[in-house]
Amino acid sequence: MKSKQYSSFVTRCWRLINLICWLVHTLWRVRWLKNKPLTQRNQELSAISDGFLRVLNVQVKLNNALPVNASMPWLTVANHVSIIDMFVMMKYIPGGFIATKNIRKWPVLGNLIANVGTVFINRNSRQDVAPVSQAIEKALRQHKNVLFFPEAYTSSGMNVLPFKAALFQAAIDAHVPVECVVLRYYDAKKRTDKVSFSGEISLLKSIWQIISIPQIVVEVDFSPLLNSEKTLQFDRYQLKDKAEEFIRAKVLSDSPLMDQIQ
């Protein structure tokens, strides 16, 4: 039986209503996160992310097990495709994000993302890199996970943009591992770019496109830990290269672009 290409208008409206309710409730929940113990804070972040994914009918499929979390905190990196990315990551690796300052201006979502401990950076200013790297190192030394997207921008999800190396230095300075997360999105069992937030698309249009998909499946792959005892000799460029190599290989493994690249 052929799957529907789009959700019905009624379904889209129902999801939008549920998303608004989730936002209101979540904004209230995150107001108290700073005062909670780290373990409880992490549980809250995971629950918040799980609620977001449930509202949008996003099914997460893990292709392998997450490394033992006893080695946390981690500097966690992933390919960046959609607004869904951060919630998939926080479901399994709760922590604060490094994000572009433009996200802080998003209506409602900007406040939410700020309140979960996000550090905002101006991608066009080299002066922002040093203090942000120091902030990441400080958070890691306080046993808090830090998550970021080393591409700096969103892609269609079919390939990976070149990674930036600068913020990998924080993992080296804090002596913590780097964990790579690969995100691939599917609609009716086919890779899709409909969830992508790349290009000139607005936040509201992106959300409408997402709630228009009957069901989104996101496949998640976790890497072995980098900057662990076996790889402590890596500098930030080598860490960047290893992370990019792992993520790119997985993203391209079933991408429609693979034939063109070959």
Protein backbone atom coordinates (compact mmCIF):
# COMPACT_ATOMS: atom_id res chain seq x y z
CA MET A 1 0.00 0.00 0.00
CA LYS A 2 1.40 3.34 -1.03
CA SER A 3 1.99 5.75 1.86
CA LYS A 4 0.51 9.21 1.87
CA GLN A 5 2.84 11.95 0.74
CA TYR A 6 1.37 14.54 3.10
CA SER A 7 -0.59 14.54 6.33
CA SER A 8 -4.17 15.73 6.13
CA PHE A 9 -4.87 19.38 6.92
CA VAL A 10 -6.69 18.32 10.10
CA THR A 11 -3.66 16.29 11.22
CA ARG A 12 -1.33 19.20 10.56
CA CYS A 13 -3.52 21.57 12.58
CA TRP A 14 -3.76 19.05 15.43
CA ARG A 15 0.02 18.68 15.52
CA LEU A 16 0.45 22.44 15.48
CA ILE A 17 -1.93 22.81 18.43
CA ASN A 18 -0.06 20.09 20.33
CA LEU A 19 3.26 21.75 19.50
CA ILE A 20 2.03 25.07 20.92
CA CYS A 21 0.86 23.31 24.09
CA TRP A 22 4.22 21.56 24.37
CA LEU A 23 6.03 24.89 23.96
CA VAL A 24 3.99 26.60 26.68
CA HIS A 25 4.47 23.74 29.11
CA THR A 26 8.18 23.41 28.30
CA LEU A 27 8.88 27.12 28.75
CA TRP A 28 7.52 26.79 32.27
CA ARG A 29 9.59 23.65 32.93
CA VAL A 30 12.93 25.06 31.80
CA ARG A 31 12.62 28.14 34.03
CA TRP A 32 13.68 25.97 36.97
CA LEU A 33 16.39 23.89 35.31
CA LYS A 34 19.33 25.97 36.57
CA ASN A 35 18.40 25.28 40.19
CA LYS A 36 18.12 21.51 39.78
CA PRO A 37 20.87 18.93 40.38
CA LEU A 38 22.68 17.85 37.22
CA THR A 39 21.14 14.36 37.15
CA GLN A 40 17.61 15.73 37.49
CA ARG A 41 18.35 18.44 34.93
CA ASN A 42 19.50 15.82 32.43
CA GLN A 43 16.35 13.77 33.03
CA GLU A 44 14.23 16.86 32.37
CA LEU A 45 16.06 17.62 29.12
CA SER A 46 15.58 14.05 27.90
CA ALA A 47 11.88 14.15 28.78
CA ILE A 48 11.42 17.53 27.06
CA SER A 49 13.08 16.22 23.91
CA ASP A 50 11.02 13.04 23.96
CA GLY A 51 7.85 15.13 24.16
CA PHE A 52 8.86 17.26 21.17
CA LEU A 53 9.58 14.20 19.03
CA ARG A 54 6.30 12.58 20.03
CA VAL A 55 4.27 15.67 19.10
CA LEU A 56 5.83 15.73 15.60
CA ASN A 57 5.49 11.94 15.17
CA VAL A 58 9.25 11.48 14.83
CA GLN A 59 10.41 7.90 15.26
CA VAL A 60 14.04 7.48 16.31
CA LYS A 61 15.88 4.36 15.17
CA LEU A 62 19.21 3.67 16.85
CA ASN A 63 21.57 1.68 14.64
CA ASN A 64 24.06 0.96 17.41
CA ALA A 65 24.45 1.43 21.14
CA LEU A 66 25.57 4.65 22.74
CA PRO A 67 29.00 4.37 24.41
CA VAL A 68 28.86 3.77 28.14
CA ASN A 69 27.78 7.07 29.67
CA ALA A 70 30.06 6.58 32.66
CA SER A 71 32.68 8.33 30.53
CA MET A 72 30.54 11.50 30.33
CA PRO A 73 30.83 14.46 30.09
CA TRP A 74 31.34 14.51 26.33
CA LEU A 75 31.82 17.11 23.68
CA THR A 76 29.20 15.83 21.24
CA VAL A 77 29.14 16.75 17.56
CA ALA A 78 26.64 15.95 14.81
CA ASN A 79 25.70 16.83 11.26
CA HIS A 80 23.13 19.63 11.14
CA VAL A 81 19.98 19.26 9.07
CA SER A 82 16.85 20.32 10.93
CA ILE A 83 15.40 21.93 14.03
CA ILE A 84 14.69 18.34 15.06
CA ASP A 85 18.43 17.58 15.42
CA MET A 86 18.96 19.09 18.85
CA PHE A 87 15.99 17.26 20.35
CA VAL A 88 17.15 13.90 19.01
CA MET A 89 20.60 14.55 20.48
CA MET A 90 19.31 15.76 23.86
CA LYS A 91 17.05 12.72 24.19
CA TYR A 92 20.15 10.53 24.53
CA ILE A 93 22.91 12.99 25.47
CA PRO A 94 21.33 15.82 27.48
CA GLY A 95 23.42 18.96 27.65
CA GLY A 96 23.85 22.56 26.54
CA PHE A 97 24.31 23.61 22.92
CA ILE A 98 26.59 25.97 21.04
CA ALA A 99 24.42 27.76 18.48
CA THR A 100 24.44 30.76 16.19
CA LYS A 101 23.08 34.02 17.60
CA ASN A 102 20.33 34.07 14.97
CA ILE A 103 18.59 31.22 16.80
CA ARG A 104 18.25 33.41 19.91
CA LYS A 105 15.87 35.62 17.87
CA TRP A 106 13.46 32.79 17.06
CA PRO A 107 10.00 33.44 18.52
CA VAL A 108 9.41 31.30 21.65
CA LEU A 109 11.85 28.58 20.58
CA GLY A 110 14.72 31.05 21.00
CA ASN A 111 13.87 31.50 24.69
CA LEU A 112 13.48 27.77 25.15
CA ILE A 113 16.85 26.97 23.56
CA ALA A 114 18.53 29.70 25.63
CA ASN A 115 17.07 28.36 28.88
CA VAL A 116 18.46 24.84 28.41
CA GLY A 117 21.98 26.25 28.67
CA THR A 118 22.80 27.18 25.08
CA VAL A 119 25.80 29.42 24.42
CA PHE A 120 25.26 31.65 21.37
CA ILE A 121 28.11 32.49 19.03
CA ASN A 122 28.62 34.85 16.11
CA ARG A 123 29.89 32.50 13.39
CA ASN A 124 31.30 35.44 11.43
CA SER A 125 33.48 36.74 14.27
CA ARG A 126 36.77 35.10 15.18
CA GLN A 127 36.69 37.08 18.42
CA ASP A 128 33.82 34.88 19.64
CA VAL A 129 35.76 31.64 19.29
CA ALA A 130 38.18 31.97 22.22
CA PRO A 131 35.59 32.91 24.91
CA VAL A 132 33.14 30.27 23.66
CA SER A 133 35.87 27.61 23.71
CA GLN A 134 36.69 28.63 27.27
CA ALA A 135 32.98 28.45 28.21
CA ILE A 136 32.78 24.94 26.72
CA GLU A 137 35.88 23.84 28.62
CA LYS A 138 34.44 25.21 31.87
CA ALA A 139 31.12 23.40 31.35
CA LEU A 140 32.90 20.13 30.55
CA ARG A 141 35.02 20.42 33.69
CA GLN A 142 31.75 20.83 35.62
CA HIS A 143 30.65 17.44 34.21
CA LYS A 144 28.13 18.96 31.81
CA ASN A 145 27.76 17.63 28.27
CA VAL A 146 28.18 20.18 25.49
CA LEU A 147 26.72 19.61 22.02
CA PHE A 148 27.41 21.48 18.81
CA PHE A 149 27.29 21.30 15.02
CA PRO A 150 30.80 21.74 13.54
CA GLU A 151 29.43 22.42 10.05
CA ALA A 152 28.22 25.78 11.46
CA TYR A 153 25.28 25.76 9.03
CA THR A 154 22.46 23.38 8.15
CA SER A 155 22.66 21.20 5.04
CA SER A 156 20.07 19.27 3.02
CA GLY A 157 21.09 16.19 5.00
CA MET A 158 22.28 14.33 1.91
CA ASN A 159 25.93 15.32 2.39
CA VAL A 160 28.05 17.06 5.01
CA LEU A 161 29.50 20.57 4.90
CA PRO A 162 33.18 21.06 5.88
CA PHE A 163 33.71 20.99 9.65
CA LYS A 164 35.26 23.82 11.67
CA ALA A 165 38.08 22.74 13.99
CA ALA A 166 38.30 25.55 16.56
CA LEU A 167 35.84 24.34 19.20
CA PHE A 168 37.31 20.82 19.29
CA GLN A 169 40.15 22.37 21.30
CA ALA A 170 37.86 22.53 24.35
CA ALA A 171 37.69 18.72 24.53
CA ILE A 172 41.50 18.52 24.47
CA ASP A 173 41.89 21.20 27.15
CA ALA A 174 39.21 19.63 29.39
CA HIS A 175 40.51 16.07 28.80
CA VAL A 176 37.09 14.71 27.81
CA PRO A 177 36.02 12.43 24.94
CA VAL A 178 34.37 13.54 21.70
CA GLU A 179 31.24 11.67 20.65
CA CYS A 180 29.96 11.82 17.04
CA VAL A 181 26.26 11.49 16.24
CA VAL A 182 25.02 10.91 12.69
CA LEU A 183 21.45 11.91 11.79
CA ARG A 184 19.69 10.67 8.64
CA TYR A 185 16.04 11.50 7.95
CA TYR A 186 13.53 9.31 6.13
CA ASP A 187 9.99 9.73 4.82
CA ALA A 188 8.22 6.51 3.77
CA LYS A 189 11.53 4.62 4.00
CA LYS A 190 13.30 7.01 1.60
CA ARG A 191 15.90 9.63 2.50
CA THR A 192 14.27 13.03 2.60
CA ASP A 193 15.37 16.66 2.67
CA LYS A 194 11.88 17.92 3.57
CA VAL A 195 12.92 18.39 7.19
CA SER A 196 15.96 20.49 6.24
CA PHE A 197 16.30 24.03 7.59
CA SER A 198 18.86 25.01 4.96
CA GLY A 199 18.62 27.82 2.43
CA GLU A 200 16.25 30.77 2.82
CA ILE A 201 13.44 28.86 4.51
CA SER A 202 11.79 30.52 7.52
CA LEU A 203 11.30 28.83 10.89
CA LEU A 204 7.52 28.74 10.53
CA LYS A 205 7.68 27.29 7.02
CA SER A 206 10.13 24.64 8.19
CA ILE A 207 7.79 23.64 11.03
CA TRP A 208 4.84 23.48 8.62
CA GLN A 209 6.84 21.22 6.27
CA ILE A 210 7.74 18.95 9.17
CA ILE A 211 4.18 18.56 10.46
CA SER A 212 3.05 17.87 6.88
CA ILE A 213 5.05 14.61 6.76
CA PRO A 214 2.92 11.64 7.90
CA GLN A 215 5.81 10.10 9.83
CA ILE A 216 9.47 11.05 10.07
CA VAL A 217 12.06 8.41 10.83
CA VAL A 218 15.50 9.54 11.91
CA GLU A 219 18.26 6.95 11.95
CA VAL A 220 20.99 7.62 14.51
CA ASP A 221 24.52 6.25 14.52
CA PHE A 222 26.98 6.76 17.38
CA SER A 223 30.75 6.69 16.92
CA PRO A 224 33.33 5.16 19.23
CA LEU A 225 34.61 7.86 21.56
CA LEU A 226 37.37 10.10 20.20
CA ASN A 227 39.93 11.84 22.42
CA SER A 228 39.76 8.83 24.70
CA GLU A 229 42.85 7.21 26.22
CA LYS A 230 43.70 5.62 22.85
CA THR A 231 43.49 8.86 20.87
CA LEU A 232 44.77 11.52 23.27
CA GLN A 233 47.59 12.35 20.86
CA PHE A 234 45.12 13.95 18.40
CA ASP A 235 45.18 17.73 18.00
CA ARG A 236 41.98 19.67 17.23
CA TYR A 237 42.44 19.33 13.47
CA GLN A 238 42.88 15.58 13.70
CA LEU A 239 39.83 15.33 15.96
CA LYS A 240 37.85 17.39 13.47
CA ASP A 241 39.02 15.20 10.59
CA LYS A 242 38.15 11.96 12.40
CA ALA A 243 34.70 13.25 13.37
CA GLU A 244 34.00 14.55 9.86
CA GLU A 245 35.21 11.30 8.28
CA PHE A 246 32.90 9.17 10.44
CA ILE A 247 29.84 11.38 9.98
CA ARG A 248 30.32 11.93 6.25
CA ALA A 249 30.71 8.20 5.54
CA LYS A 250 27.44 7.39 7.32
CA VAL A 251 25.52 10.29 5.76
CA LEU A 252 26.63 9.31 2.25
CA SER A 253 26.12 5.57 2.75
CA ASP A 254 22.58 5.65 1.33
CA SER A 255 22.39 9.21 0.04
CA PRO A 256 20.91 9.88 -3.43
CA LEU A 257 24.01 12.03 -4.05
CA MET A 258 26.33 9.02 -3.83
CA ASP A 259 25.99 8.16 -7.53
CA GLN A 260 26.92 11.74 -8.50
CA ILE A 261 29.95 11.74 -6.20
CA GLN A 262 31.21 8.45 -7.58
